[in-house]
């Protein structure tokens, strides 16, 4: 039982670090695309306001929610492995 608790704690910490890194990376990529879009197409108005508005749209997007799969997929795989090892 202690081994399972240790697996859960360390697994959660590692997945949290991966989630934060992936989230920052994805946001940086989106920011770069918005800046490139403004430089190539828009060129009118305030660039910072355009990027800020685009990032607010990104915060509500499906892509942002899909990053939560970092938690879901490994937990499902580990649960299946434990089930298969013990009950099959």
PDB file of N, CA and C in Angstrom:
ATOM      1  N   UNK A   1       0.815  -1.191   0.000  1.00  0.00           N
ATOM      2  CA  UNK A   1       0.000   0.000   0.000  1.00  0.00           C
ATOM      3  C   UNK A   1       0.866   1.267   0.000  1.00  0.00           C
ATOM      4  N   UNK A   2       1.992   1.194   0.720  1.00  0.00           N
ATOM      5  CA  UNK A   2       2.893   2.338   0.758  1.00  0.00           C
ATOM      6  C   UNK A   2       3.504   2.591  -0.621  1.00  0.00           C
ATOM      7  N   UNK A   3       3.760   1.528  -1.346  1.00  0.00           N
ATOM      8  CA  UNK A   3       4.317   1.675  -2.694  1.00  0.00           C
ATOM      9  C   UNK A   3       3.318   2.364  -3.621  1.00  0.00           C
ATOM     10  N   UNK A   4       2.042   2.038  -3.491  1.00  0.00           N
ATOM     11  CA  UNK A   4       1.019   2.687  -4.308  1.00  0.00           C
ATOM     12  C   UNK A   4       0.917   4.171  -3.982  1.00  0.00           C
ATOM     13  N   UNK A   5       0.957   4.512  -2.700  1.00  0.00           N
ATOM     14  CA  UNK A   5       0.904   5.925  -2.296  1.00  0.00           C
ATOM     15  C   UNK A   5       2.106   6.680  -2.846  1.00  0.00           C
ATOM     16  N   UNK A   6       3.277   6.066  -2.768  1.00  0.00           N
ATOM     17  CA  UNK A   6       4.486   6.705  -3.298  1.00  0.00           C
ATOM     18  C   UNK A   6       4.378   6.888  -4.817  1.00  0.00           C
ATOM     19  N   UNK A   7       3.861   5.871  -5.513  1.00  0.00           N
ATOM     20  CA  UNK A   7       3.654   5.971  -6.957  1.00  0.00           C
ATOM     21  C   UNK A   7       2.699   7.109  -7.292  1.00  0.00           C
ATOM     22  N   UNK A   8       1.613   7.217  -6.551  1.00  0.00           N
ATOM     23  CA  UNK A   8       0.635   8.274  -6.814  1.00  0.00           C
ATOM     24  C   UNK A   8       1.206   9.658  -6.560  1.00  0.00           C
ATOM     25  N   UNK A   9       1.928   9.831  -5.466  1.00  0.00           N
ATOM     26  CA  UNK A   9       2.489  11.146  -5.137  1.00  0.00           C
ATOM     27  C   UNK A   9       3.540  11.559  -6.158  1.00  0.00           C
ATOM     28  N   UNK A  10       4.512  10.685  -6.391  1.00  0.00           N
ATOM     29  CA  UNK A  10       5.555  11.037  -7.353  1.00  0.00           C
ATOM     30  C   UNK A  10       5.012  11.139  -8.774  1.00  0.00           C
ATOM     31  N   UNK A  11       4.079  10.274  -9.116  1.00  0.00           N
ATOM     32  CA  UNK A  11       3.461  10.357 -10.440  1.00  0.00           C
ATOM     33  C   UNK A  11       2.732  11.671 -10.639  1.00  0.00           C
ATOM     34  N   UNK A  12       1.977  12.089  -9.614  1.00  0.00           N
ATOM     35  CA  UNK A  12       1.268  13.360  -9.713  1.00  0.00           C
ATOM     36  C   UNK A  12       2.241  14.533  -9.840  1.00  0.00           C
ATOM     37  N   UNK A  13       3.327  14.507  -9.087  1.00  0.00           N
ATOM     38  CA  UNK A  13       4.314  15.586  -9.175  1.00  0.00           C
ATOM     39  C   UNK A  13       4.970  15.635 -10.559  1.00  0.00           C
ATOM     40  N   UNK A  14       5.344  14.484 -11.066  1.00  0.00           N
ATOM     41  CA  UNK A  14       5.986  14.438 -12.387  1.00  0.00           C
ATOM     42  C   UNK A  14       5.006  14.877 -13.477  1.00  0.00           C
ATOM     43  N   UNK A  15       3.760  14.395 -13.405  1.00  0.00           N
ATOM     44  CA  UNK A  15       2.764  14.793 -14.402  1.00  0.00           C
ATOM     45  C   UNK A  15       2.444  16.279 -14.307  1.00  0.00           C
ATOM     46  N   UNK A  16       2.485  16.835 -13.101  1.00  0.00           N
ATOM     47  CA  UNK A  16       2.241  18.270 -12.935  1.00  0.00           C
ATOM     48  C   UNK A  16       3.344  19.097 -13.577  1.00  0.00           C
ATOM     49  N   UNK A  17       4.582  18.669 -13.411  1.00  0.00           N
ATOM     50  CA  UNK A  17       5.701  19.372 -14.050  1.00  0.00           C
ATOM     51  C   UNK A  17       5.569  19.297 -15.568  1.00  0.00           C
ATOM     52  N   UNK A  18       5.242  18.117 -16.083  1.00  0.00           N
ATOM     53  CA  UNK A  18       5.055  17.957 -17.527  1.00  0.00           C
ATOM     54  C   UNK A  18       3.913  18.833 -18.018  1.00  0.00           C
ATOM     55  N   UNK A  19       2.808  18.870 -17.263  1.00  0.00           N
ATOM     56  CA  UNK A  19       1.654  19.687 -17.652  1.00  0.00           C
ATOM     57  C   UNK A  19       2.022  21.168 -17.702  1.00  0.00           C
ATOM     58  N   UNK A  20       2.718  21.659 -16.696  1.00  0.00           N
ATOM     59  CA  UNK A  20       3.091  23.080 -16.664  1.00  0.00           C
ATOM     60  C   UNK A  20       4.018  23.411 -17.824  1.00  0.00           C
ATOM     61  N   UNK A  21       5.012  22.566 -18.066  1.00  0.00           N
ATOM     62  CA  UNK A  21       5.936  22.809 -19.181  1.00  0.00           C
ATOM     63  C   UNK A  21       5.208  22.793 -20.519  1.00  0.00           C
ATOM     64  N   UNK A  22       4.352  21.816 -20.705  1.00  0.00           N
ATOM     65  CA  UNK A  22       3.597  21.705 -21.954  1.00  0.00           C
ATOM     66  C   UNK A  22       2.650  22.886 -22.128  1.00  0.00           C
ATOM     67  N   UNK A  23       2.051  23.329 -21.047  1.00  0.00           N
ATOM     68  CA  UNK A  23       1.136  24.461 -21.098  1.00  0.00           C
ATOM     69  C   UNK A  23       1.877  25.748 -21.485  1.00  0.00           C
ATOM     70  N   UNK A  24       3.040  25.978 -20.849  1.00  0.00           N
ATOM     71  CA  UNK A  24       3.834  27.167 -21.195  1.00  0.00           C
ATOM     72  C   UNK A  24       4.307  27.111 -22.645  1.00  0.00           C
ATOM     73  N   UNK A  25       4.744  25.936 -23.079  1.00  0.00           N
ATOM     74  CA  UNK A  25       5.215  25.784 -24.450  1.00  0.00           C
ATOM     75  C   UNK A  25       4.090  26.056 -25.449  1.00  0.00           C
ATOM     76  N   UNK A  26       2.926  25.488 -25.198  1.00  0.00           N
ATOM     77  CA  UNK A  26       1.797  25.666 -26.107  1.00  0.00           C
ATOM     78  C   UNK A  26       1.370  27.133 -26.168  1.00  0.00           C
ATOM     79  N   UNK A  27       1.371  27.796 -25.024  1.00  0.00           N
ATOM     80  CA  UNK A  27       1.005  29.215 -24.988  1.00  0.00           C
ATOM     81  C   UNK A  27       2.033  30.064 -25.738  1.00  0.00           C
ATOM     82  N   UNK A  28       3.315  29.732 -25.604  1.00  0.00           N
ATOM     83  CA  UNK A  28       4.363  30.465 -26.305  1.00  0.00           C
ATOM     84  C   UNK A  28       4.245  30.281 -27.819  1.00  0.00           C
ATOM     85  N   UNK A  29       3.928  29.062 -28.239  1.00  0.00           N
ATOM     86  CA  UNK A  29       3.744  28.809 -29.670  1.00  0.00           C
ATOM     87  C   UNK A  29       2.559  29.611 -30.197  1.00  0.00           C
ATOM     88  N   UNK A  30       1.469  29.630 -29.434  1.00  0.00           N
ATOM     89  CA  UNK A  30       0.285  30.396 -29.848  1.00  0.00           C
ATOM     90  C   UNK A  30       0.606  31.878 -29.916  1.00  0.00           C
ATOM     91  N   UNK A  31       1.349  32.389 -28.939  1.00  0.00           N
ATOM     92  CA  UNK A  31       1.744  33.800 -28.948  1.00  0.00           C
ATOM     93  C   UNK A  31       2.573  34.116 -30.191  1.00  0.00           C
ATOM     94  N   UNK A  32       3.506  33.232 -30.524  1.00  0.00           N
ATOM     95  CA  UNK A  32       4.330  33.427 -31.714  1.00  0.00           C
ATOM     96  C   UNK A  32       3.498  33.449 -32.991  1.00  0.00           C
ATOM     97  N   UNK A  33       2.506  32.565 -33.076  1.00  0.00           N
ATOM     98  CA  UNK A  33       1.636  32.546 -34.255  1.00  0.00           C
ATOM     99  C   UNK A  33       0.807  33.820 -34.354  1.00  0.00           C
ATOM    100  N   UNK A  34       0.323  34.302 -33.213  1.00  0.00           N
ATOM    101  CA  UNK A  34      -0.463  35.544 -33.225  1.00  0.00           C
ATOM    102  C   UNK A  34       0.396  36.736 -33.631  1.00  0.00           C
ATOM    103  N   UNK A  35       1.622  36.805 -33.120  1.00  0.00           N
ATOM    104  CA  UNK A  35       2.518  37.900 -33.495  1.00  0.00           C
ATOM    105  C   UNK A  35       2.865  37.834 -34.981  1.00  0.00           C
ATOM    106  N   UNK A  36       3.098  36.630 -35.479  1.00  0.00           N
ATOM    107  CA  UNK A  36       3.400  36.466 -36.905  1.00  0.00           C
ATOM    108  C   UNK A  36       2.194  36.850 -37.758  1.00  0.00           C
ATOM    109  N   UNK A  37       1.003  36.455 -37.325  1.00  0.00           N
ATOM    110  CA  UNK A  37      -0.219  36.816 -38.058  1.00  0.00           C
ATOM    111  C   UNK A  37      -0.398  38.325 -38.097  1.00  0.00           C
ATOM    112  N   UNK A  38      -0.143  39.002 -36.983  1.00  0.00           N
ATOM    113  CA  UNK A  38      -0.298  40.454 -36.946  1.00  0.00           C
ATOM    114  C   UNK A  38       0.734  41.112 -37.856  1.00  0.00           C
ATOM    115  N   UNK A  39       1.976  40.617 -37.836  1.00  0.00           N
ATOM    116  CA  UNK A  39       3.034  41.187 -38.670  1.00  0.00           C
ATOM    117  C   UNK A  39       2.744  41.013 -40.159  1.00  0.00           C
ATOM    118  N   UNK A  40       2.157  39.870 -40.548  1.00  0.00           N
ATOM    119  CA  UNK A  40       1.942  39.587 -41.960  1.00  0.00           C
ATOM    120  C   UNK A  40       0.626  40.132 -42.496  1.00  0.00           C
ATOM    121  N   UNK A  41      -0.424  40.151 -41.677  1.00  0.00           N
ATOM    122  CA  UNK A  41      -1.751  40.463 -42.212  1.00  0.00           C
ATOM    123  C   UNK A  41      -2.372  41.735 -41.653  1.00  0.00           C
ATOM    124  N   UNK A  42      -2.405  41.877 -40.343  1.00  0.00           N
ATOM    125  CA  UNK A  42      -3.203  42.936 -39.729  1.00  0.00           C
ATOM    126  C   UNK A  42      -2.517  44.292 -39.844  1.00  0.00           C
ATOM    127  N   UNK A  43      -1.426  44.468 -39.162  1.00  0.00           N
ATOM    128  CA  UNK A  43      -0.597  45.680 -39.177  1.00  0.00           C
ATOM    129  C   UNK A  43      -1.347  46.972 -38.853  1.00  0.00           C
ATOM    130  N   UNK A  44      -2.546  46.898 -38.334  1.00  0.00           N
ATOM    131  CA  UNK A  44      -3.254  48.100 -37.906  1.00  0.00           C
ATOM    132  C   UNK A  44      -3.702  47.908 -36.466  1.00  0.00           C
ATOM    133  N   UNK A  45      -3.691  48.960 -35.701  1.00  0.00           N
ATOM    134  CA  UNK A  45      -4.109  48.870 -34.311  1.00  0.00           C
ATOM    135  C   UNK A  45      -2.938  48.522 -33.411  1.00  0.00           C
ATOM    136  N   UNK A  46      -3.263  48.107 -32.221  1.00  0.00           N
ATOM    137  CA  UNK A  46      -2.262  47.791 -31.208  1.00  0.00           C
ATOM    138  C   UNK A  46      -1.913  46.305 -31.252  1.00  0.00           C
ATOM    139  N   UNK A  47      -0.633  46.021 -31.465  1.00  0.00           N
ATOM    140  CA  UNK A  47      -0.181  44.634 -31.573  1.00  0.00           C
ATOM    141  C   UNK A  47      -0.384  43.887 -30.251  1.00  0.00           C
ATOM    142  N   UNK A  48      -0.050  44.530 -29.135  1.00  0.00           N
ATOM    143  CA  UNK A  48      -0.187  43.877 -27.832  1.00  0.00           C
ATOM    144  C   UNK A  48      -1.639  43.539 -27.513  1.00  0.00           C
ATOM    145  N   UNK A  49      -2.560  44.421 -27.883  1.00  0.00           N
ATOM    146  CA  UNK A  49      -3.982  44.162 -27.643  1.00  0.00           C
ATOM    147  C   UNK A  49      -4.459  42.991 -28.505  1.00  0.00           C
ATOM    148  N   UNK A  50      -3.971  42.917 -29.740  1.00  0.00           N
ATOM    149  CA  UNK A  50      -4.325  41.813 -30.629  1.00  0.00           C
ATOM    150  C   UNK A  50      -3.853  40.481 -30.062  1.00  0.00           C
ATOM    151  N   UNK A  51      -2.603  40.458 -29.591  1.00  0.00           N
ATOM    152  CA  UNK A  51      -2.038  39.228 -29.030  1.00  0.00           C
ATOM    153  C   UNK A  51      -2.768  38.861 -27.740  1.00  0.00           C
ATOM    154  N   UNK A  52      -3.047  39.844 -26.885  1.00  0.00           N
ATOM    155  CA  UNK A  52      -3.744  39.584 -25.631  1.00  0.00           C
ATOM    156  C   UNK A  52      -5.136  38.998 -25.879  1.00  0.00           C
ATOM    157  N   UNK A  53      -5.850  39.554 -26.846  1.00  0.00           N
ATOM    158  CA  UNK A  53      -7.187  39.051 -27.186  1.00  0.00           C
ATOM    159  C   UNK A  53      -7.110  37.629 -27.736  1.00  0.00           C
ATOM    160  N   UNK A  54      -6.109  37.363 -28.556  1.00  0.00           N
ATOM    161  CA  UNK A  54      -5.930  36.024 -29.106  1.00  0.00           C
ATOM    162  C   UNK A  54      -5.599  35.005 -28.029  1.00  0.00           C
ATOM    163  N   UNK A  55      -4.791  35.414 -27.049  1.00  0.00           N
ATOM    164  CA  UNK A  55      -4.451  34.506 -25.964  1.00  0.00           C
ATOM    165  C   UNK A  55      -5.639  34.260 -25.037  1.00  0.00           C
ATOM    166  N   UNK A  56      -6.513  35.239 -24.887  1.00  0.00           N
ATOM    167  CA  UNK A  56      -7.737  35.032 -24.108  1.00  0.00           C
ATOM    168  C   UNK A  56      -8.643  34.025 -24.811  1.00  0.00           C
ATOM    169  N   UNK A  57      -8.709  34.101 -26.139  1.00  0.00           N
ATOM    170  CA  UNK A  57      -9.467  33.099 -26.894  1.00  0.00           C
ATOM    171  C   UNK A  57      -8.829  31.714 -26.753  1.00  0.00           C
ATOM    172  N   UNK A  58      -7.503  31.694 -26.737  1.00  0.00           N
ATOM    173  CA  UNK A  58      -6.780  30.425 -26.588  1.00  0.00           C
ATOM    174  C   UNK A  58      -7.063  29.787 -25.224  1.00  0.00           C
ATOM    175  N   UNK A  59      -7.188  30.605 -24.180  1.00  0.00           N
ATOM    176  CA  UNK A  59      -7.446  30.070 -22.841  1.00  0.00           C
ATOM    177  C   UNK A  59      -8.760  29.303 -22.767  1.00  0.00           C
ATOM    178  N   UNK A  60      -9.723  29.636 -23.613  1.00  0.00           N
ATOM    179  CA  UNK A  60     -11.013  28.946 -23.627  1.00  0.00           C
ATOM    180  C   UNK A  60     -11.106  27.877 -24.713  1.00  0.00           C
ATOM    181  N   UNK A  61     -10.007  27.609 -25.396  1.00  0.00           N
ATOM    182  CA  UNK A  61     -10.054  26.711 -26.545  1.00  0.00           C
ATOM    183  C   UNK A  61      -9.972  25.237 -26.138  1.00  0.00           C
ATOM    184  N   UNK A  62     -10.305  24.384 -27.068  1.00  0.00           N
ATOM    185  CA  UNK A  62     -10.246  22.939 -26.867  1.00  0.00           C
ATOM    186  C   UNK A  62      -8.810  22.466 -26.700  1.00  0.00           C
ATOM    187  N   UNK A  63      -7.893  23.074 -27.414  1.00  0.00           N
ATOM    188  CA  UNK A  63      -6.490  22.675 -27.340  1.00  0.00           C
ATOM    189  C   UNK A  63      -5.966  22.785 -25.912  1.00  0.00           C
ATOM    190  N   UNK A  64      -6.336  23.835 -25.244  1.00  0.00           N
ATOM    191  CA  UNK A  64      -5.906  24.032 -23.858  1.00  0.00           C
ATOM    192  C   UNK A  64      -6.448  22.921 -22.960  1.00  0.00           C
ATOM    193  N   UNK A  65      -7.675  22.512 -23.217  1.00  0.00           N
ATOM    194  CA  UNK A  65      -8.278  21.453 -22.414  1.00  0.00           C
ATOM    195  C   UNK A  65      -7.689  20.083 -22.750  1.00  0.00           C
ATOM    196  N   UNK A  66      -7.255  19.894 -23.975  1.00  0.00           N
ATOM    197  CA  UNK A  66      -6.671  18.612 -24.368  1.00  0.00           C
ATOM    198  C   UNK A  66      -5.333  18.355 -23.677  1.00  0.00           C
ATOM    199  N   UNK A  67      -4.681  19.411 -23.242  1.00  0.00           N
ATOM    200  CA  UNK A  67      -3.411  19.250 -22.546  1.00  0.00           C
ATOM    201  C   UNK A  67      -3.632  18.507 -21.227  1.00  0.00           C
ATOM    202  N   UNK A  68      -4.843  18.546 -20.686  1.00  0.00           N
ATOM    203  CA  UNK A  68      -5.145  17.799 -19.462  1.00  0.00           C
ATOM    204  C   UNK A  68      -5.028  16.297 -19.673  1.00  0.00           C
ATOM    205  N   UNK A  69      -4.934  15.863 -20.911  1.00  0.00           N
ATOM    206  CA  UNK A  69      -4.699  14.457 -21.209  1.00  0.00           C
ATOM    207  C   UNK A  69      -3.387  13.959 -20.626  1.00  0.00           C
ATOM    208  N   UNK A  70      -2.504  14.887 -20.270  1.00  0.00           N
ATOM    209  CA  UNK A  70      -1.250  14.530 -19.608  1.00  0.00           C
ATOM    210  C   UNK A  70      -1.546  13.792 -18.308  1.00  0.00           C
ATOM    211  N   UNK A  71      -2.635  14.137 -17.645  1.00  0.00           N
ATOM    212  CA  UNK A  71      -3.027  13.443 -16.424  1.00  0.00           C
ATOM    213  C   UNK A  71      -3.836  12.179 -16.728  1.00  0.00           C
ATOM    214  N   UNK A  72      -4.754  12.261 -17.651  1.00  0.00           N
ATOM    215  CA  UNK A  72      -5.724  11.193 -17.872  1.00  0.00           C
ATOM    216  C   UNK A  72      -5.089   9.947 -18.486  1.00  0.00           C
ATOM    217  N   UNK A  73      -4.324  10.093 -19.530  1.00  0.00           N
ATOM    218  CA  UNK A  73      -3.785   8.941 -20.267  1.00  0.00           C
ATOM    219  C   UNK A  73      -2.850   8.080 -19.414  1.00  0.00           C
ATOM    220  N   UNK A  74      -1.853   8.655 -18.727  1.00  0.00           N
ATOM    221  CA  UNK A  74      -0.997   7.790 -17.899  1.00  0.00           C
ATOM    222  C   UNK A  74      -1.752   7.103 -16.762  1.00  0.00           C
ATOM    223  N   UNK A  75      -2.722   7.782 -16.152  1.00  0.00           N
ATOM    224  CA  UNK A  75      -3.495   7.161 -15.079  1.00  0.00           C
ATOM    225  C   UNK A  75      -4.293   5.975 -15.609  1.00  0.00           C
ATOM    226  N   UNK A  76      -4.884   6.128 -16.791  1.00  0.00           N
ATOM    227  CA  UNK A  76      -5.634   5.013 -17.398  1.00  0.00           C
ATOM    228  C   UNK A  76      -4.711   3.839 -17.716  1.00  0.00           C
ATOM    229  N   UNK A  77      -3.549   4.118 -18.247  1.00  0.00           N
ATOM    230  CA  UNK A  77      -2.606   3.044 -18.593  1.00  0.00           C
ATOM    231  C   UNK A  77      -2.126   2.322 -17.343  1.00  0.00           C
ATOM    232  N   UNK A  78      -1.757   3.068 -16.304  1.00  0.00           N
ATOM    233  CA  UNK A  78      -1.287   2.452 -15.066  1.00  0.00           C
ATOM    234  C   UNK A  78      -2.407   1.650 -14.414  1.00  0.00           C
ATOM    235  N   UNK A  79      -3.619   2.180 -14.437  1.00  0.00           N
ATOM    236  CA  UNK A  79      -4.755   1.455 -13.863  1.00  0.00           C
ATOM    237  C   UNK A  79      -4.992   0.146 -14.600  1.00  0.00           C
ATOM    238  N   UNK A  80      -4.908   0.174 -15.919  1.00  0.00           N
ATOM    239  CA  UNK A  80      -5.095  -1.049 -16.694  1.00  0.00           C
ATOM    240  C   UNK A  80      -3.990  -2.063 -16.394  1.00  0.00           C
ATOM    241  N   UNK A  81      -2.755  -1.606 -16.293  1.00  0.00           N
ATOM    242  CA  UNK A  81      -1.644  -2.514 -16.002  1.00  0.00           C
ATOM    243  C   UNK A  81      -1.830  -3.160 -14.626  1.00  0.00           C
ATOM    244  N   UNK A  82      -2.229  -2.364 -13.639  1.00  0.00           N
ATOM    245  CA  UNK A  82      -2.469  -2.920 -12.298  1.00  0.00           C
ATOM    246  C   UNK A  82      -3.614  -3.922 -12.337  1.00  0.00           C
ATOM    247  N   UNK A  83      -4.682  -3.579 -13.026  1.00  0.00           N
ATOM    248  CA  UNK A  83      -5.824  -4.499 -13.145  1.00  0.00           C
ATOM    249  C   UNK A  83      -5.421  -5.791 -13.852  1.00  0.00           C
ATOM    250  N   UNK A  84      -4.716  -5.655 -14.963  1.00  0.00           N
ATOM    251  CA  UNK A  84      -4.330  -6.835 -15.733  1.00  0.00           C
ATOM    252  C   UNK A  84      -3.365  -7.717 -14.942  1.00  0.00           C
ATOM    253  N   UNK A  85      -2.480  -7.108 -14.193  1.00  0.00           N
ATOM    254  CA  UNK A  85      -1.515  -7.873 -13.408  1.00  0.00           C
ATOM    255  C   UNK A  85      -2.197  -8.637 -12.282  1.00  0.00           C
ATOM    256  N   UNK A  86      -3.156  -8.012 -11.640  1.00  0.00           N
ATOM    257  CA  UNK A  86      -3.753  -8.607 -10.448  1.00  0.00           C
ATOM    258  C   UNK A  86      -4.979  -9.476 -10.723  1.00  0.00           C
ATOM    259  N   UNK A  87      -5.733  -9.189 -11.769  1.00  0.00           N
ATOM    260  CA  UNK A  87      -7.034  -9.854 -11.928  1.00  0.00           C
ATOM    261  C   UNK A  87      -7.193 -10.630 -13.224  1.00  0.00           C
ATOM    262  N   UNK A  88      -6.237 -10.657 -14.077  1.00  0.00           N
ATOM    263  CA  UNK A  88      -6.388 -11.402 -15.330  1.00  0.00           C
ATOM    264  C   UNK A  88      -5.549 -12.658 -15.308  1.00  0.00           C
TER     265      UNK A  88
END
